[in-house]
C-alpha atoms as a PDB file:
ATOM      1  CA  MET A   1     -12.170-136.658 -96.757  1.00  0.00           C
ATOM      2  CA  PRO A   2      -8.574-137.558 -97.047  1.00  0.00           C
ATOM      3  CA  ASP A   3      -7.357-141.033 -95.096  1.00  0.00           C
ATOM      4  CA  SER A   4      -4.148-141.146 -96.049  1.00  0.00           C
ATOM      5  CA  ASN A   5      -1.361-141.923 -93.861  1.00  0.00           C
ATOM      6  CA  THR A   6       1.555-140.450 -96.209  1.00  0.00           C
ATOM      7  CA  GLU A   7      -0.251-137.638 -97.665  1.00  0.00           C
ATOM      8  CA  ARG A   8       1.196-134.185 -95.699  1.00  0.00           C
ATOM      9  CA  GLN A   9      -2.087-131.716 -94.973  1.00  0.00           C
ATOM     10  CA  GLU A  10      -1.444-128.271 -94.171  1.00  0.00           C
ATOM     11  CA  TYR A  11      -4.437-126.676 -92.294  1.00  0.00           C
ATOM     12  CA  GLY A  12      -5.846-123.443 -92.241  1.00  0.00           C
ATOM     13  CA  THR A  13      -4.788-122.581 -95.659  1.00  0.00           C
ATOM     14  CA  GLY A  14      -7.392-120.729 -97.488  1.00  0.00           C
ATOM     15  CA  LYS A  15     -10.847-121.721 -96.518  1.00  0.00           C
ATOM     16  CA  SER A  16     -10.750-122.328 -92.878  1.00  0.00           C
ATOM     17  CA  GLN A  17     -10.147-126.057 -92.541  1.00  0.00           C
ATOM     18  CA  VAL A  18     -10.126-125.961 -88.554  1.00  0.00           C
ATOM     19  CA  ALA A  19     -13.131-125.788 -86.272  1.00  0.00           C
ATOM     20  CA  ILE A  20     -12.926-125.917 -82.704  1.00  0.00           C
ATOM     21  CA  VAL A  21     -15.833-127.080 -81.058  1.00  0.00           C
ATOM     22  CA  VAL A  22     -16.798-125.957 -77.256  1.00  0.00           C
ATOM     23  CA  PRO A  23     -19.851-127.697 -75.441  1.00  0.00           C
ATOM     24  CA  SER A  24     -21.090-125.159 -72.526  1.00  0.00           C
ATOM     25  CA  ARG A  25     -24.003-126.024 -70.391  1.00  0.00           C
ATOM     26  CA  ASN A  26     -24.528-123.013 -67.412  1.00  0.00           C
ATOM     27  CA  ALA A  27     -21.224-121.866 -68.497  1.00  0.00           C
ATOM     28  CA  GLU A  28     -22.081-117.781 -68.299  1.00  0.00           C
ATOM     29  CA  SER A  29     -19.627-117.263 -65.746  1.00  0.00           C
ATOM     30  CA  ILE A  30     -16.730-119.553 -67.244  1.00  0.00           C
ATOM     31  CA  LEU A  31     -17.143-119.093 -70.805  1.00  0.00           C
ATOM     32  CA  PRO A  32     -16.080-115.604 -71.432  1.00  0.00           C
ATOM     33  CA  GLU A  33     -12.449-116.407 -70.204  1.00  0.00           C
ATOM     34  CA  PHE A  34     -12.142-119.021 -72.511  1.00  0.00           C
ATOM     35  CA  LEU A  35     -13.544-117.269 -75.418  1.00  0.00           C
ATOM     36  CA  PHE A  36     -10.966-114.450 -74.820  1.00  0.00           C
ATOM     37  CA  SER A  37      -8.097-116.655 -74.960  1.00  0.00           C
ATOM     38  CA  LEU A  38      -9.454-118.446 -78.101  1.00  0.00           C
ATOM     39  CA  GLN A  39      -9.338-114.414 -79.532  1.00  0.00           C
ATOM     40  CA  GLU A  40      -5.753-114.001 -78.384  1.00  0.00           C
ATOM     41  CA  SER A  41      -4.589-117.384 -80.103  1.00  0.00           C
ATOM     42  CA  SER A  42      -1.338-116.899 -82.574  1.00  0.00           C
ATOM     43  CA  PHE A  43      -3.086-119.138 -85.348  1.00  0.00           C
ATOM     44  CA  GLN A  44      -6.389-117.634 -86.284  1.00  0.00           C
ATOM     45  CA  ASN A  45      -7.480-119.757 -89.361  1.00  0.00           C
ATOM     46  CA  TRP A  46     -10.513-121.347 -87.376  1.00  0.00           C
ATOM     47  CA  MET A  47     -14.095-121.532 -86.915  1.00  0.00           C
ATOM     48  CA  ALA A  48     -15.697-122.212 -83.230  1.00  0.00           C
ATOM     49  CA  PHE A  49     -18.697-124.233 -83.201  1.00  0.00           C
ATOM     50  CA  LEU A  50     -20.360-123.369 -79.774  1.00  0.00           C
ATOM     51  CA  ILE A  51     -22.748-124.948 -78.121  1.00  0.00           C
ATOM     52  CA  ASP A  52     -25.188-124.457 -75.662  1.00  0.00           C
ATOM     53  CA  ASP A  53     -26.434-127.493 -74.398  1.00  0.00           C
ATOM     54  CA  ALA A  54     -29.876-126.345 -72.975  1.00  0.00           C
ATOM     55  CA  SER A  55     -28.665-123.710 -70.328  1.00  0.00           C
ATOM     56  CA  GLU A  56     -30.728-122.666 -67.476  1.00  0.00           C
ATOM     57  CA  ASP A  57     -28.275-119.679 -67.562  1.00  0.00           C
ATOM     58  CA  SER A  58     -27.409-116.730 -70.203  1.00  0.00           C
ATOM     59  CA  THR A  59     -25.043-118.748 -71.682  1.00  0.00           C
ATOM     60  CA  THR A  60     -26.998-118.281 -74.926  1.00  0.00           C
ATOM     61  CA  ASP A  61     -26.843-114.856 -74.590  1.00  0.00           C
ATOM     62  CA  VAL A  62     -22.889-115.117 -74.302  1.00  0.00           C
ATOM     63  CA  ILE A  63     -22.805-117.481 -77.235  1.00  0.00           C
ATOM     64  CA  ARG A  64     -25.003-115.384 -79.514  1.00  0.00           C
ATOM     65  CA  ASP A  65     -22.932-111.961 -78.758  1.00  0.00           C
ATOM     66  CA  TRP A  66     -19.458-113.265 -79.164  1.00  0.00           C
ATOM     67  CA  CYS A  67     -20.120-114.788 -82.554  1.00  0.00           C
ATOM     68  CA  ASN A  68     -21.822-111.560 -83.499  1.00  0.00           C
ATOM     69  CA  SER A  69     -18.962-109.582 -82.428  1.00  0.00           C
ATOM     70  CA  SER A  70     -15.754-111.941 -83.316  1.00  0.00           C
ATOM     71  CA  GLY A  71     -17.125-113.447 -86.954  1.00  0.00           C
ATOM     72  CA  LYS A  72     -15.848-116.392 -85.907  1.00  0.00           C
ATOM     73  CA  GLY A  73     -18.364-118.214 -84.031  1.00  0.00           C
ATOM     74  CA  ARG A  74     -21.117-121.127 -85.065  1.00  0.00           C
ATOM     75  CA  PRO A  75     -23.632-120.664 -82.512  1.00  0.00           C
ATOM     76  CA  ILE A  76     -25.448-124.178 -81.800  1.00  0.00           C
ATOM     77  CA  LEU A  77     -28.070-123.865 -79.545  1.00  0.00           C
ATOM     78  CA  LEU A  78     -29.677-126.668 -78.095  1.00  0.00           C
ATOM     79  CA  ASN A  79     -33.543-126.870 -76.561  1.00  0.00           C
ATOM     80  CA  LYS A  80     -32.773-130.464 -75.204  1.00  0.00           C
ATOM     81  CA  ARG A  81     -30.137-131.504 -73.183  1.00  0.00           C
ATOM     82  CA  HIS A  82     -27.624-133.342 -75.284  1.00  0.00           C
ATOM     83  CA  GLY A  83     -24.898-134.212 -72.794  1.00  0.00           C
ATOM     84  CA  PRO A  84     -21.494-133.516 -73.705  1.00  0.00           C
ATOM     85  CA  PRO A  85     -20.808-136.296 -76.028  1.00  0.00           C
ATOM     86  CA  GLY A  86     -24.320-135.796 -78.263  1.00  0.00           C
ATOM     87  CA  ALA A  87     -23.490-131.870 -77.455  1.00  0.00           C
ATOM     88  CA  ARG A  88     -20.163-132.664 -79.583  1.00  0.00           C
ATOM     89  CA  ASN A  89     -21.628-134.960 -82.177  1.00  0.00           C
ATOM     90  CA  VAL A  90     -24.274-132.397 -83.334  1.00  0.00           C
ATOM     91  CA  ALA A  91     -21.503-129.937 -84.254  1.00  0.00           C
ATOM     92  CA  LEU A  92     -19.092-133.017 -85.764  1.00  0.00           C
ATOM     93  CA  LYS A  93     -22.175-133.928 -87.898  1.00  0.00           C
ATOM     94  CA  LEU A  94     -22.597-130.230 -89.220  1.00  0.00           C
ATOM     95  CA  LEU A  95     -18.655-129.601 -89.894  1.00  0.00           C
ATOM     96  CA  ILE A  96     -17.639-132.708 -91.275  1.00  0.00           C
ATOM     97  CA  SER A  97     -20.637-132.229 -93.970  1.00  0.00           C
ATOM     98  CA  GLU A  98     -18.961-128.784 -94.666  1.00  0.00           C
ATOM     99  CA  GLY A  99     -16.006-129.990 -94.991  1.00  0.00           C
ATOM    100  CA  TYR A 100     -13.616-129.578 -92.106  1.00  0.00           C
ATOM    101  CA  GLN A 101     -10.602-131.486 -92.099  1.00  0.00           C
ATOM    102  CA  LEU A 102      -9.461-131.133 -88.424  1.00  0.00           C
ATOM    103  CA  VAL A 103     -11.479-130.133 -85.310  1.00  0.00           C
ATOM    104  CA  LEU A 104      -9.911-129.557 -81.897  1.00  0.00           C
ATOM    105  CA  PHE A 105     -12.222-130.198 -78.595  1.00  0.00           C
ATOM    106  CA  HIS A 106     -11.730-127.750 -76.226  1.00  0.00           C
ATOM    107  CA  ASP A 107     -14.145-127.366 -72.626  1.00  0.00           C
ATOM    108  CA  SER A 108     -15.887-124.450 -71.699  1.00  0.00           C
ATOM    109  CA  ASP A 109     -13.742-124.178 -68.325  1.00  0.00           C
ATOM    110  CA  CYS A 110     -10.397-124.505 -69.757  1.00  0.00           C
ATOM    111  CA  VAL A 111      -7.983-121.310 -70.669  1.00  0.00           C
ATOM    112  CA  LEU A 112      -5.825-121.495 -73.622  1.00  0.00           C
ATOM    113  CA  GLU A 113      -2.307-120.117 -73.765  1.00  0.00           C
ATOM    114  CA  ARG A 114      -1.264-117.964 -76.859  1.00  0.00           C
ATOM    115  CA  ASN A 115       0.326-121.166 -78.899  1.00  0.00           C
ATOM    116  CA  THR A 116      -2.058-123.800 -77.758  1.00  0.00           C
ATOM    117  CA  VAL A 117      -3.762-124.038 -81.221  1.00  0.00           C
ATOM    118  CA  ALA A 118      -0.876-123.311 -83.063  1.00  0.00           C
ATOM    119  CA  ALA A 119       0.864-126.409 -81.323  1.00  0.00           C
ATOM    120  CA  HIS A 120      -1.999-128.606 -82.011  1.00  0.00           C
ATOM    121  CA  ILE A 121      -1.690-127.935 -85.973  1.00  0.00           C
ATOM    122  CA  ALA A 122       1.891-127.925 -86.063  1.00  0.00           C
ATOM    123  CA  ALA A 123       2.008-131.249 -84.529  1.00  0.00           C
ATOM    124  CA  HIS A 124      -1.065-132.489 -87.091  1.00  0.00           C
ATOM    125  CA  GLU A 125       1.168-131.188 -89.806  1.00  0.00           C
ATOM    126  CA  ASN A 126       4.306-132.641 -88.819  1.00  0.00           C
ATOM    127  CA  SER A 127       2.650-135.995 -87.937  1.00  0.00           C
ATOM    128  CA  VAL A 128       1.519-137.543 -91.230  1.00  0.00           C
ATOM    129  CA  GLY A 129      -0.882-140.440 -90.577  1.00  0.00           C
ATOM    130  CA  THR A 130      -1.775-139.706 -86.716  1.00  0.00           C
ATOM    131  CA  GLY A 131      -5.157-139.215 -86.524  1.00  0.00           C
ATOM    132  CA  ILE A 132      -5.183-137.901 -82.709  1.00  0.00           C
ATOM    133  CA  ILE A 133      -3.129-135.471 -80.427  1.00  0.00           C
ATOM    134  CA  GLY A 134      -3.328-134.423 -77.017  1.00  0.00           C
ATOM    135  CA  GLY A 135      -1.577-131.734 -75.179  1.00  0.00           C
ATOM    136  CA  PRO A 136      -1.141-130.896 -71.488  1.00  0.00           C
ATOM    137  CA  VAL A 137      -3.521-130.059 -68.761  1.00  0.00           C
ATOM    138  CA  LYS A 138      -2.759-127.788 -66.161  1.00  0.00           C
ATOM    139  CA  SER A 139      -4.678-127.452 -63.221  1.00  0.00           C
ATOM    140  CA  ILE A 140      -6.499-124.462 -61.761  1.00  0.00           C
ATOM    141  CA  HIS A 141      -8.207-125.057 -58.846  1.00  0.00           C
ATOM    142  CA  SER A 142      -8.907-122.964 -55.243  1.00  0.00           C
ATOM    143  CA  THR A 143     -10.082-126.065 -53.030  1.00  0.00           C
ATOM    144  CA  ARG A 144      -8.088-129.152 -52.037  1.00  0.00           C
ATOM    145  CA  VAL A 145     -10.613-130.778 -53.877  1.00  0.00           C
ATOM    146  CA  GLY A 146     -10.222-129.453 -56.809  1.00  0.00           C
ATOM    147  CA  ALA A 147      -6.396-130.060 -56.320  1.00  0.00           C
ATOM    148  CA  ALA A 148      -6.643-133.817 -56.188  1.00  0.00           C
ATOM    149  CA  ASP A 149      -9.512-134.007 -58.955  1.00  0.00           C
ATOM    150  CA  GLY A 150      -6.516-131.799 -60.986  1.00  0.00           C
ATOM    151  CA  TYR A 151      -3.870-133.966 -60.154  1.00  0.00           C
ATOM    152  CA  ALA A 152      -5.516-137.346 -60.615  1.00  0.00           C
ATOM    153  CA  SER A 153      -7.354-136.103 -63.863  1.00  0.00           C
ATOM    154  CA  TRP A 154      -4.934-134.706 -65.690  1.00  0.00           C
ATOM    155  CA  PHE A 155      -1.122-135.179 -66.904  1.00  0.00           C
ATOM    156  CA  THR A 156       1.054-132.482 -68.169  1.00  0.00           C
ATOM    157  CA  SER A 157       3.259-135.295 -69.874  1.00  0.00           C
ATOM    158  CA  PRO A 158       2.287-139.385 -71.086  1.00  0.00           C
ATOM    159  CA  PRO A 159       4.053-141.949 -69.361  1.00  0.00           C
ATOM    160  CA  GLY A 160       7.384-143.032 -70.539  1.00  0.00           C
ATOM    161  CA  ARG A 161       7.899-140.083 -73.187  1.00  0.00           C
ATOM    162  CA  SER A 162       7.255-136.467 -73.755  1.00  0.00           C
ATOM    163  CA  ASN A 163       6.438-136.852 -77.397  1.00  0.00           C
ATOM    164  CA  GLY A 164       5.639-139.147 -79.835  1.00  0.00           C
ATOM    165  CA  LYS A 165       3.144-141.828 -81.044  1.00  0.00           C
ATOM    166  CA  PHE A 166       1.385-144.213 -78.526  1.00  0.00           C
ATOM    167  CA  ARG A 167      -1.308-146.618 -79.342  1.00  0.00           C
ATOM    168  CA  PHE A 168      -2.151-147.058 -75.524  1.00  0.00           C
ATOM    169  CA  LEU A 169      -2.748-143.359 -74.687  1.00  0.00           C
ATOM    170  CA  HIS A 170      -5.977-141.965 -73.480  1.00  0.00           C
ATOM    171  CA  LEU A 171      -5.996-138.116 -73.784  1.00  0.00           C
ATOM    172  CA  PRO A 172      -9.334-135.939 -72.381  1.00  0.00           C
ATOM    173  CA  THR A 173     -11.502-134.063 -74.830  1.00  0.00           C
ATOM    174  CA  CYS A 174     -10.704-130.577 -73.095  1.00  0.00           C
ATOM    175  CA  ASN A 175      -7.410-130.692 -75.326  1.00  0.00           C
ATOM    176  CA  LEU A 176      -7.556-133.049 -78.190  1.00  0.00           C
ATOM    177  CA  SER A 177      -7.119-132.745 -82.038  1.00  0.00           C
ATOM    178  CA  VAL A 178      -9.042-135.330 -84.778  1.00  0.00           C
ATOM    179  CA  LYS A 179      -8.520-135.510 -88.079  1.00  0.00           C
ATOM    180  CA  THR A 180     -12.055-135.955 -89.417  1.00  0.00           C
ATOM    181  CA  TRP A 181     -11.484-139.400 -91.094  1.00  0.00           C
ATOM    182  CA  VAL A 182     -10.624-140.951 -87.738  1.00  0.00           C
ATOM    183  CA  PHE A 183     -14.670-140.660 -87.248  1.00  0.00           C
ATOM    184  CA  ASP A 184     -14.995-142.815 -90.285  1.00  0.00           C
ATOM    185  CA  LYS A 185     -13.131-145.484 -88.559  1.00  0.00           C
ATOM    186  CA  THR A 186     -14.596-145.212 -84.848  1.00  0.00           C
ATOM    187  CA  GLY A 187     -17.787-143.740 -85.446  1.00  0.00           C
ATOM    188  CA  LEU A 188     -18.808-140.522 -82.995  1.00  0.00           C
ATOM    189  CA  PHE A 189     -18.678-139.846 -79.295  1.00  0.00           C
ATOM    190  CA  GLN A 190     -20.806-142.490 -77.471  1.00  0.00           C
ATOM    191  CA  GLU A 191     -24.027-140.664 -76.458  1.00  0.00           C
ATOM    192  CA  ASN A 192     -25.342-143.658 -74.363  1.00  0.00           C
ATOM    193  CA  LEU A 193     -22.260-142.672 -71.795  1.00  0.00           C
ATOM    194  CA  VAL A 194     -22.767-140.577 -68.908  1.00  0.00           C
ATOM    195  CA  THR A 195     -19.486-139.430 -68.957  1.00  0.00           C
ATOM    196  CA  GLY A 196     -15.819-140.941 -70.272  1.00  0.00           C
ATOM    197  CA  GLU A 197     -16.686-140.782 -73.683  1.00  0.00           C
ATOM    198  CA  ASP A 198     -13.264-139.745 -74.206  1.00  0.00           C
ATOM    199  CA  VAL A 199     -11.688-142.743 -72.826  1.00  0.00           C
ATOM    200  CA  ALA A 200     -14.410-145.036 -75.450  1.00  0.00           C
ATOM    201  CA  PHE A 201     -13.141-143.166 -78.083  1.00  0.00           C
ATOM    202  CA  CYS A 202      -9.523-143.590 -77.978  1.00  0.00           C
ATOM    203  CA  GLN A 203     -10.180-146.981 -76.956  1.00  0.00           C
ATOM    204  CA  ALA A 204     -11.971-147.422 -80.181  1.00  0.00           C
ATOM    205  CA  ALA A 205      -9.539-145.291 -81.953  1.00  0.00           C
ATOM    206  CA  ARG A 206      -6.497-147.585 -80.711  1.00  0.00           C
ATOM    207  CA  ALA A 207      -8.432-150.534 -81.655  1.00  0.00           C
ATOM    208  CA  ALA A 208      -9.061-149.193 -85.434  1.00  0.00           C
ATOM    209  CA  GLY A 209      -5.199-148.776 -85.427  1.00  0.00           C
ATOM    210  CA  VAL A 210      -5.167-144.943 -85.091  1.00  0.00           C
ATOM    211  CA  ASP A 211      -2.067-143.638 -83.941  1.00  0.00           C
ATOM    212  CA  ILE A 212      -2.400-141.332 -80.917  1.00  0.00           C
ATOM    213  CA  ALA A 213       0.154-138.737 -80.088  1.00  0.00           C
ATOM    214  CA  PHE A 214       1.052-136.134 -77.281  1.00  0.00           C
ATOM    215  CA  ALA A 215       2.272-132.557 -78.184  1.00  0.00           C
ATOM    216  CA  ALA A 216       4.188-131.308 -75.591  1.00  0.00           C
ATOM    217  CA  GLU A 217       3.551-127.415 -76.581  1.00  0.00           C
ATOM    218  CA  ALA A 218      -0.090-127.584 -76.810  1.00  0.00           C
ATOM    219  CA  ILE A 219      -0.289-126.846 -73.481  1.00  0.00           C
ATOM    220  CA  LEU A 220      -3.698-125.317 -71.365  1.00  0.00           C
ATOM    221  CA  ALA A 221      -5.360-124.731 -68.366  1.00  0.00           C
ATOM    222  CA  HIS A 222      -8.403-126.087 -66.906  1.00  0.00           C
ATOM    223  CA  LYS A 223     -10.519-124.964 -63.820  1.00  0.00           C
ATOM    224  CA  ASP A 224     -11.087-127.834 -61.591  1.00  0.00           C
ATOM    225  CA  ARG A 225     -14.210-128.971 -60.106  1.00  0.00           C
ATOM    226  CA  ASP A 226     -14.555-128.652 -56.265  1.00  0.00           C
ATOM    227  CA  ASP A 227     -16.571-131.824 -55.883  1.00  0.00           C
ATOM    228  CA  LEU A 228     -15.698-135.788 -56.042  1.00  0.00           C
ATOM    229  CA  HIS A 229     -15.474-135.375 -60.050  1.00  0.00           C
ATOM    230  CA  THR A 230     -12.710-138.035 -60.575  1.00  0.00           C
ATOM    231  CA  GLY A 231     -13.963-140.744 -57.921  1.00  0.00           C
ATOM    232  CA  GLN A 232     -17.420-140.286 -59.555  1.00  0.00           C
ATOM    233  CA  ILE A 233     -16.216-140.899 -63.014  1.00  0.00           C
ATOM    234  CA  SER A 234     -13.997-143.771 -62.236  1.00  0.00           C
ATOM    235  CA  GLY A 235     -17.209-145.344 -60.554  1.00  0.00           C
ATOM    236  CA  MET A 236     -19.452-144.074 -64.047  1.00  0.00           C
ATOM    237  CA  LEU A 237     -16.737-145.826 -65.934  1.00  0.00           C
ATOM    238  CA  VAL A 238     -16.798-149.522 -64.289  1.00  0.00           C
ATOM    239  CA  GLU A 239     -20.713-149.122 -64.498  1.00  0.00           C
ATOM    240  CA  GLN A 240     -20.651-148.179 -67.931  1.00  0.00           C
ATOM    241  CA  GLY A 241     -18.180-150.984 -69.203  1.00  0.00           C
ATOM    242  CA  VAL A 242     -15.358-148.602 -69.884  1.00  0.00           C
ATOM    243  CA  SER A 243     -12.391-149.735 -69.016  1.00  0.00           C
ATOM    244  CA  ALA A 244     -10.480-146.661 -67.557  1.00  0.00           C
ATOM    245  CA  PRO A 245      -6.709-146.504 -69.818  1.00  0.00           C
ATOM    246  CA  ARG A 246      -3.920-148.436 -67.673  1.00  0.00           C
ATOM    247  CA  GLY A 247      -1.149-145.645 -66.690  1.00  0.00           C
ATOM    248  CA  CYS A 248      -4.083-142.768 -65.833  1.00  0.00           C
ATOM    249  CA  ALA A 249      -5.260-142.214 -62.249  1.00  0.00           C
ATOM    250  CA  ALA A 250      -8.745-143.037 -63.233  1.00  0.00           C
ATOM    251  CA  HIS A 251      -7.808-146.656 -63.776  1.00  0.00           C
ATOM    252  CA  ARG A 252      -5.413-147.200 -61.043  1.00  0.00           C
ATOM    253  CA  VAL A 253      -8.489-145.810 -58.588  1.00  0.00           C
ATOM    254  CA  ALA A 254     -11.477-147.608 -60.403  1.00  0.00           C
ATOM    255  CA  PHE A 255      -9.251-151.111 -60.783  1.00  0.00           C
ATOM    256  CA  CYS A 256      -6.449-151.399 -58.904  1.00  0.00           C
ATOM    257  CA  GLY A 257      -7.669-149.695 -55.636  1.00  0.00           C
ATOM    258  CA  ASP A 258      -5.216-147.153 -55.155  1.00  0.00           C
ATOM    259  CA  ARG A 259      -2.436-145.605 -57.083  1.00  0.00           C
ATOM    260  CA  ASN A 260       0.346-148.146 -55.856  1.00  0.00           C
ATOM    261  CA  ARG A 261      -1.338-151.943 -55.688  1.00  0.00           C
ATOM    262  CA  GLY A 262      -2.595-153.838 -58.395  1.00  0.00           C
ATOM    263  CA  PRO A 263      -5.802-156.322 -57.724  1.00  0.00           C
ATOM    264  CA  GLY A 264      -2.999-159.046 -56.805  1.00  0.00           C
ATOM    265  CA  GLY A 265      -0.779-156.539 -54.575  1.00  0.00           C
ATOM    266  CA  PRO A 266       1.791-154.269 -54.424  1.00  0.00           C
ATOM    267  CA  ARG A 267       2.696-153.436 -58.172  1.00  0.00           C
ATOM    268  CA  GLN A 268       5.946-154.926 -59.355  1.00  0.00           C
ATOM    269  CA  PRO A 269       8.288-152.771 -62.440  1.00  0.00           C
ATOM    270  CA  GLY A 270       7.076-154.463 -65.080  1.00  0.00           C
ATOM    271  CA  ASP A 271       4.299-156.479 -64.465  1.00  0.00           C
ATOM    272  CA  GLY A 272       2.403-154.784 -67.098  1.00  0.00           C
ATOM    273  CA  HIS A 273      -0.432-153.363 -64.880  1.00  0.00           C
ATOM    274  CA  CYS A 274      -1.028-149.661 -64.363  1.00  0.00           C
ATOM    275  CA  GLN A 275       2.286-148.698 -66.175  1.00  0.00           C
END
């Protein structure tokens, strides 16, 4: 697979080179809306790898029916639960072996805008050598807990800039696109992590010198959870030995106590902590 910082690659020409990976578990009520938004995308030269992670509802039927009717899906039906990182890895191994050069990761509880996929493709084609690109995530919530989760989990623009390359940035796997050569440098997602595998992946990519960029036009909406998901993630990250990225809410909650204070008192401008 290409590993060049100077080669410009056009994606989606000829044989489909773009894979979209969506892990699902017990998602019968939410997956259809994601799939509808995917079918309405302005960019259509993709193949969707849809994973059912040993669901206990009819998610398998939703995936099978959509793949049969659309002709644009590859069902991956797991009998044993793998968790999100393990499920993504099953699809990654398959699509890499088949020669796909770019993969987009989304979640079953997301809703794409018409140009979300096209914006990811354009950003990669215009950012030669950049391995990872993320986009903004808008919140869809019905409760105050969901609103808090959305506020703490997502951002519609990265700290400091609206576009450009970052070596410090963590972006979530609900709206992430990765050139497949990156996995030669980072390995696959860490399956031992209960959550926070996107944090660990971005850390590994930065350590390997992979540029991470943000495409402001590649926006989607996420249906936020109505439980204390963000606080749970923060605690799990600490227990699992994964540092939440500086500048994100999970880092500020887990490592700083709150959003305005560092471990030694109020955060001062330019002190390098939680910027």
